[in-house]
């Protein structure tokens, strides 16, 4: 797995920089975006779009979505060089969602450094984040794909981006209104929308370009959903029990009153007095380390971390079976299965 990521990530990052140049001229705008009637301020491109994007993008990241897109394309017999320019779509959009997500959550850190809105201001962060959602669709527009394939790719991106923000809306509203009686099923739907959707974009792009049938695409959606939910649950666990590699604030989810799998599990079975203690902590928007530690201890008392981890591993076990159903044995399939294990074993 490490060798495949090591080989693929530099190619993906190179492709991003070819598509999203840090500096442009008027001819580039006309060729890639279209004619303009008056005059475009070229400095705006650099300061309002490329600088915020690359500030975050160059901090690194797992690049899991585009790498998995390349991996699936390889497993289906495609030439990896043909998929690179399309694989970056999910990663660029993902970067935009992180900029918006950090602003909505009033976060301080992303990948160990200040969030984008703390550096460039809220207005630039909002506008660049939204722009980055739409911009990579030019890859499809300017490609030599058939009209049918272009329409299919546009459809996937539109559907999955809608899901991203449905999930984000659930997450925000629960936190804002201090709703702690959210069921596990509601949480799972939120994670399926918010976290699985862009993974589904990455995998479905590869499947569509491989001319997979509808049955295969439905199976890919099932696999993406299970992987995304498992990834989100592991993120929830690491937020409260971080490793040395964790690049975000510890206990941020407690401070924000976020609904996680552990919170849902806890409120479904805890005693009233413990519910009251945790409800008060979650409602206070505290960053007091002693209160965050107390919240974690209460969750551990009811074994909510263990239950969350067990459920994430169950989803990954099921996703492996699904992969067995649709992919022939190969080194690429083996690597894909290793990535599934990594999702629930990772430390950052």
Foldseek 3Di string as FASTA:
>chain_A
DVVLQVVQVVLLVVLVCVQLPLFDDQVCCCVQPRDDDDDDDRVCSNQLANVLLCVQVVLDDSLVLLSVLLLLLVLLPHDSVVCSNVSCLLVLLVSLVQLVLCVLLVFQWDSQHGRSCVPNNDVSSNVNSVCSLPRSLSSLVPDPDDPVLNVVLVVLSVVLVVLQVVLVVVFSVCLVVLPLQDALVNQLSSQLRNFLSSSLSSNVNSCVVSVHDPVVSVLSSLLSSLLSSLLQLLVVLCLAVADPSDNGHRLSCQLSLTDHQLSNVCVVDDDPVLVVLSSVSSNPSDPPPVSSVVNVVSSVVSPSNVVSLVSSVVSLVVSLVSLVVPGDDDVSNVVVNVVSVCSSVPRD
